[in-house]
Amino acid sequence: MRNGRSMRRATRALVLSGVTAMLGGCATTTGGAETKVFCASAAPITWSRADTDATIRQAKAHNAVGVALCGWH
């Protein structure tokens, strides 16, 4: 029983830390140095039919950030 309780606690801690990390990514920027670095170093990502749905979603999310921050077309 004690091992099960420890496992549940560890799982909860892991989930909580994951959620915390994801929420940290929701911070907005005001066009500071981070935005300039991103726009100077990043480029739109293309995908192919061979890519997975998850990969395509990630590429689209990256490209949406570029549109919002850098004015990509």
C-alpha atoms as a PDB file:
ATOM      1  CA  MET A   1       0.000   0.000   0.000  1.00  0.00           C
ATOM      2  CA  ARG A   2       2.698   2.463   0.879  1.00  0.00           C
ATOM      3  CA  ASN A   3       4.397   1.998  -2.490  1.00  0.00           C
ATOM      4  CA  GLY A   4       1.112   2.820  -4.273  1.00  0.00           C
ATOM      5  CA  ARG A   5       0.730   6.014  -2.252  1.00  0.00           C
ATOM      6  CA  SER A   6       4.295   7.047  -3.081  1.00  0.00           C
ATOM      7  CA  MET A   7       3.666   6.384  -6.747  1.00  0.00           C
ATOM      8  CA  ARG A   8       0.494   8.517  -6.732  1.00  0.00           C
ATOM      9  CA  ARG A   9       2.348  11.363  -5.012  1.00  0.00           C
ATOM     10  CA  ALA A  10       5.164  11.181  -7.526  1.00  0.00           C
ATOM     11  CA  THR A  11       2.676  11.156 -10.397  1.00  0.00           C
ATOM     12  CA  ARG A  12       0.838  14.170  -8.989  1.00  0.00           C
ATOM     13  CA  ALA A  13       4.105  16.059  -8.543  1.00  0.00           C
ATOM     14  CA  LEU A  14       5.133  15.250 -12.098  1.00  0.00           C
ATOM     15  CA  VAL A  15       1.783  16.365 -13.533  1.00  0.00           C
ATOM     16  CA  LEU A  16       1.839  19.553 -11.459  1.00  0.00           C
ATOM     17  CA  SER A  17       5.349  20.417 -12.608  1.00  0.00           C
ATOM     18  CA  GLY A  18       4.340  19.790 -16.232  1.00  0.00           C
ATOM     19  CA  VAL A  19       1.305  22.049 -15.934  1.00  0.00           C
ATOM     20  CA  THR A  20       3.415  24.733 -14.277  1.00  0.00           C
ATOM     21  CA  ALA A  21       5.945  24.573 -17.098  1.00  0.00           C
ATOM     22  CA  MET A  22       3.215  24.855 -19.727  1.00  0.00           C
ATOM     23  CA  LEU A  23       1.592  27.825 -18.021  1.00  0.00           C
ATOM     24  CA  GLY A  24       4.937  29.582 -17.944  1.00  0.00           C
ATOM     25  CA  GLY A  25       4.896  29.435 -21.733  1.00  0.00           C
ATOM     26  CA  CYS A  26       1.671  31.453 -21.788  1.00  0.00           C
ATOM     27  CA  ALA A  27       3.388  34.654 -20.727  1.00  0.00           C
ATOM     28  CA  THR A  28       2.959  37.502 -23.159  1.00  0.00           C
ATOM     29  CA  THR A  29       5.750  39.654 -24.459  1.00  0.00           C
ATOM     30  CA  THR A  30       5.797  43.304 -25.347  1.00  0.00           C
ATOM     31  CA  GLY A  31       8.244  43.065 -28.221  1.00  0.00           C
ATOM     32  CA  GLY A  32      11.367  42.987 -26.097  1.00  0.00           C
ATOM     33  CA  ALA A  33      14.742  41.410 -26.727  1.00  0.00           C
ATOM     34  CA  GLU A  34      13.320  37.875 -26.746  1.00  0.00           C
ATOM     35  CA  THR A  35      11.008  38.748 -29.623  1.00  0.00           C
ATOM     36  CA  LYS A  36      13.852  40.305 -31.585  1.00  0.00           C
ATOM     37  CA  VAL A  37      16.012  37.227 -31.066  1.00  0.00           C
ATOM     38  CA  PHE A  38      13.196  34.907 -32.142  1.00  0.00           C
ATOM     39  CA  CYS A  39      12.410  36.937 -35.267  1.00  0.00           C
ATOM     40  CA  ALA A  40      16.078  37.159 -36.225  1.00  0.00           C
ATOM     41  CA  SER A  41      16.789  33.462 -35.792  1.00  0.00           C
ATOM     42  CA  ALA A  42      13.548  31.611 -36.559  1.00  0.00           C
ATOM     43  CA  ALA A  43      11.949  30.871 -39.900  1.00  0.00           C
ATOM     44  CA  PRO A  44       8.622  29.371 -40.953  1.00  0.00           C
ATOM     45  CA  ILE A  45       8.499  25.580 -40.829  1.00  0.00           C
ATOM     46  CA  THR A  46       7.057  23.547 -43.678  1.00  0.00           C
ATOM     47  CA  TRP A  47       5.848  19.964 -43.477  1.00  0.00           C
ATOM     48  CA  SER A  48       5.184  17.082 -45.807  1.00  0.00           C
ATOM     49  CA  ARG A  49       2.554  14.383 -46.107  1.00  0.00           C
ATOM     50  CA  ALA A  50       4.956  12.012 -44.359  1.00  0.00           C
ATOM     51  CA  ASP A  51       4.869  14.076 -41.142  1.00  0.00           C
ATOM     52  CA  THR A  52       2.607  13.061 -38.291  1.00  0.00           C
ATOM     53  CA  ASP A  53      -0.414  15.101 -37.249  1.00  0.00           C
ATOM     54  CA  ALA A  54       1.422  16.079 -34.063  1.00  0.00           C
ATOM     55  CA  THR A  55       4.407  17.357 -36.040  1.00  0.00           C
ATOM     56  CA  ILE A  56       2.157  19.367 -38.339  1.00  0.00           C
ATOM     57  CA  ARG A  57       0.346  20.903 -35.340  1.00  0.00           C
ATOM     58  CA  GLN A  58       3.684  21.899 -33.823  1.00  0.00           C
ATOM     59  CA  ALA A  59       4.840  23.467 -37.083  1.00  0.00           C
ATOM     60  CA  LYS A  60       1.575  25.398 -37.410  1.00  0.00           C
ATOM     61  CA  ALA A  61       1.890  26.636 -33.815  1.00  0.00           C
ATOM     62  CA  HIS A  62       5.460  27.785 -34.470  1.00  0.00           C
ATOM     63  CA  ASN A  63       4.366  29.550 -37.639  1.00  0.00           C
ATOM     64  CA  ALA A  64       1.480  31.251 -35.827  1.00  0.00           C
ATOM     65  CA  VAL A  65       3.963  32.708 -33.342  1.00  0.00           C
ATOM     66  CA  GLY A  66       6.046  34.001 -36.252  1.00  0.00           C
ATOM     67  CA  VAL A  67       2.983  35.617 -37.809  1.00  0.00           C
ATOM     68  CA  ALA A  68       2.020  37.281 -34.525  1.00  0.00           C
ATOM     69  CA  LEU A  69       5.481  38.436 -33.466  1.00  0.00           C
ATOM     70  CA  CYS A  70       7.411  38.896 -36.698  1.00  0.00           C
ATOM     71  CA  GLY A  71       4.748  39.592 -39.319  1.00  0.00           C
ATOM     72  CA  TRP A  72       5.450  36.458 -41.372  1.00  0.00           C
ATOM     73  CA  HIS A  73       3.077  35.960 -44.293  1.00  0.00           C
END
